[in-house]
Each structure stands twice: as C-alpha cells, then as structure tokens.
Amino acid sequence: MRLGFLAGSSAWLGQLEKLRLPYNVGVPTQLIAGKLLEHHEVLLKQAQQIKLDRADLYGQMGEVRGVQVYASEANFLLFRVANAAKVFTGLKQRGVLIKNLDGGHPMLKDCLRVTVGTREENEKFIAALKETIIQNAQG
C-alpha cells in the first residue's frame, strides 16, 4: 500500500487536481493511514532511525572500492558501479534484492538503488556488495 501527499502553490495544485482520478485512495489505505497518524511519535522515531541507518550505510558504501554513492535525504541510496547489471544479478544470487535503474535513463547508466533497511539487512547488503564486486573483478 502507498499513500502520499502533495504540497505546493494553489495554482499548481489546482491544475494537478484536474488529473487526479476520483476515489484514488482506497478505503483500506485511508483506514491504515488514520491508525498510523494516531501513533505519530512512533513514525517520528522510525524516521529518525532511518536517517541514522542511512548515514551509516552511506559511509560504508563510500568505503567500497568501485562504488560511487550519492547523498540522499530519502529512505534509499542511489549508487553507480561498473557493470551494474552484473552487480544486480550477483546481489540477487546472494539473497539481496535492490532496484536496477541502469537503462532507465542515460543519466542512470550503471546505477542501482538500495532502500535503507534494518541494521542487519544493511550489513547483509554491504557484505553481498563487496563479494559481488570482488567476484566481478576476478572475472
């Protein structure tokens, strides 16, 4: 399930409202969102943990030879590696599934995207990334 919101100038929002489908947010999503908002402090705590984990993951990725990681304020990190398709496959074979953005746009050549996970998930990702890059370098 996904739920998002859009903020902006009333002129822009008025134009975008013309494109919105009626009933674009289903009842289950609305009910879940209502419950989540009742626990705002939990959401804030989770967001803070994601920020800490993202900073840690960013630092670890920056230390991996051959990885160019880009700063992010989101819950994911974009990074570039040689032979992104091979790295993606190698990660998948090691039980780590991320998003392959290579080929989606010329500026995303050899780019992959990893979502910030739990500390254990991030550690598994880093280990798998290192193993995959080493294996690819050996041929």
Protein backbone atom coordinates (compact mmCIF):
# COMPACT_ATOMS: atom_id res chain seq x y z
CA MET A 1 0.00 0.00 0.00
CA ARG A 2 1.12 3.51 -0.72
CA LEU A 3 -0.15 6.84 0.42
CA GLY A 4 1.41 10.16 -0.38
CA PHE A 5 0.61 13.82 -0.28
CA LEU A 6 1.45 16.79 -2.41
CA ALA A 7 2.13 20.31 -1.21
CA GLY A 8 2.59 23.33 -3.43
CA SER A 9 1.13 26.56 -4.71
CA SER A 10 -2.63 26.62 -5.12
CA ALA A 11 -2.25 27.45 -8.83
CA TRP A 12 -0.19 24.28 -9.46
CA LEU A 13 -2.34 22.12 -7.20
CA GLY A 14 -5.47 23.33 -8.98
CA GLN A 15 -4.06 22.18 -12.31
CA LEU A 16 -2.91 18.83 -10.91
CA GLU A 17 -6.32 18.24 -9.31
CA LYS A 18 -7.75 18.08 -12.84
CA LEU A 19 -5.62 14.97 -13.46
CA ARG A 20 -6.43 13.13 -10.23
CA LEU A 21 -8.70 10.14 -10.58
CA PRO A 22 -11.80 10.06 -8.39
CA TYR A 23 -11.51 7.78 -5.35
CA ASN A 24 -7.76 7.46 -5.89
CA VAL A 25 -7.18 6.45 -2.25
CA GLY A 26 -8.90 3.22 -1.29
CA VAL A 27 -10.74 2.65 1.97
CA PRO A 28 -8.16 0.22 3.45
CA THR A 29 -5.37 2.73 2.80
CA GLN A 30 -7.40 5.51 4.42
CA LEU A 31 -8.12 3.38 7.49
CA ILE A 32 -4.49 2.36 7.90
CA ALA A 33 -3.30 5.96 7.44
CA GLY A 34 -5.72 7.06 10.14
CA LYS A 35 -4.34 4.47 12.57
CA LEU A 36 -0.75 5.40 11.75
CA LEU A 37 -1.42 9.07 12.40
CA GLU A 38 -2.68 8.15 15.87
CA HIS A 39 0.89 7.00 16.61
CA HIS A 40 2.79 9.99 15.28
CA GLU A 41 5.60 9.59 17.82
CA VAL A 42 6.33 6.07 16.56
CA LEU A 43 6.60 7.36 13.00
CA LEU A 44 8.98 10.11 14.10
CA LYS A 45 11.14 7.59 15.95
CA GLN A 46 11.25 5.31 12.89
CA ALA A 47 12.15 8.25 10.64
CA GLN A 48 15.00 9.21 12.95
CA GLN A 49 16.32 5.64 12.92
CA ILE A 50 16.17 5.53 9.12
CA LYS A 51 18.21 8.76 8.98
CA LEU A 52 20.87 7.26 11.27
CA ASP A 53 20.95 3.99 9.34
CA ARG A 54 21.10 5.86 6.02
CA ALA A 55 24.13 7.86 7.18
CA ASP A 56 25.85 4.68 8.35
CA LEU A 57 25.05 2.84 5.10
CA TYR A 58 26.23 5.83 3.04
CA GLY A 59 29.55 5.80 4.90
CA GLN A 60 30.03 2.06 4.44
CA MET A 61 29.18 2.21 0.75
CA GLY A 62 31.61 5.09 0.26
CA GLU A 63 34.41 2.85 1.51
CA VAL A 64 33.73 0.10 -1.06
CA ARG A 65 36.14 0.37 -3.96
CA GLY A 66 34.35 0.93 -7.24
CA VAL A 67 31.16 2.29 -5.68
CA GLN A 68 30.11 5.90 -6.17
CA VAL A 69 27.27 6.61 -3.76
CA TYR A 70 25.19 9.78 -3.93
CA ALA A 71 23.98 11.74 -0.91
CA SER A 72 20.28 11.36 -0.18
CA GLU A 73 17.56 12.69 2.06
CA ALA A 74 15.25 9.80 1.13
CA ASN A 75 14.96 6.27 2.53
CA PHE A 76 17.18 4.94 -0.26
CA LEU A 77 20.64 5.50 -1.72
CA LEU A 78 21.49 5.73 -5.40
CA PHE A 79 24.89 4.39 -6.39
CA ARG A 80 26.92 3.75 -9.50
CA VAL A 81 29.10 0.71 -10.16
CA ALA A 82 30.77 -0.72 -13.23
CA ASN A 83 28.60 -3.39 -14.85
CA ALA A 84 25.52 -2.58 -12.80
CA ALA A 85 23.54 -5.43 -14.37
CA LYS A 86 26.16 -7.97 -13.23
CA VAL A 87 26.25 -6.45 -9.75
CA PHE A 88 22.46 -6.54 -9.59
CA THR A 89 22.47 -10.22 -10.56
CA GLY A 90 25.24 -11.01 -8.08
CA LEU A 91 23.35 -9.34 -5.25
CA LYS A 92 20.18 -11.20 -6.20
CA GLN A 93 22.06 -14.52 -6.15
CA ARG A 94 23.19 -13.65 -2.62
CA GLY A 95 19.62 -13.02 -1.47
CA VAL A 96 19.69 -9.22 -1.72
CA LEU A 97 17.11 -7.58 -3.95
CA ILE A 98 17.53 -3.94 -4.87
CA LYS A 99 16.35 -1.76 -7.76
CA ASN A 100 18.24 -1.77 -11.06
CA LEU A 101 17.96 1.70 -12.62
CA ASP A 102 20.52 1.03 -15.35
CA GLY A 103 18.94 1.67 -18.75
CA GLY A 104 16.04 3.67 -17.33
CA HIS A 105 17.63 6.97 -18.39
CA PRO A 106 21.04 7.85 -19.84
CA MET A 107 21.99 9.67 -16.62
CA LEU A 108 21.32 6.46 -14.66
CA LYS A 109 23.81 4.34 -16.59
CA ASP A 110 25.29 1.73 -14.24
CA CYS A 111 23.13 2.97 -11.36
CA LEU A 112 21.40 0.87 -8.73
CA ARG A 113 19.23 1.90 -5.79
CA VAL A 114 19.14 0.32 -2.35
CA THR A 115 16.49 1.01 0.25
CA VAL A 116 17.74 1.65 3.77
CA GLY A 117 16.82 -1.40 5.81
CA THR A 118 17.41 -2.61 9.32
CA ARG A 119 20.98 -2.73 10.59
CA GLU A 120 21.10 -6.47 9.84
CA GLU A 121 19.70 -6.01 6.32
CA ASN A 122 22.18 -3.23 5.60
CA GLU A 123 25.07 -5.38 6.83
CA LYS A 124 23.93 -8.25 4.59
CA PHE A 125 23.73 -5.85 1.65
CA ILE A 126 27.25 -4.45 2.24
CA ALA A 127 28.73 -7.95 2.55
CA ALA A 128 26.96 -9.10 -0.62
CA LEU A 129 28.02 -5.96 -2.48
CA LYS A 130 31.67 -6.45 -1.55
CA GLU A 131 31.58 -10.14 -2.51
CA THR A 132 29.90 -9.37 -5.83
CA ILE A 133 32.33 -6.61 -6.77
CA ILE A 134 35.32 -8.80 -5.87
CA GLN A 135 33.90 -11.71 -7.90
CA ASN A 136 33.25 -9.42 -10.89
CA ALA A 137 36.78 -8.02 -10.72
CA GLN A 138 38.23 -11.54 -10.81
CA GLY A 139 36.27 -12.29 -13.95
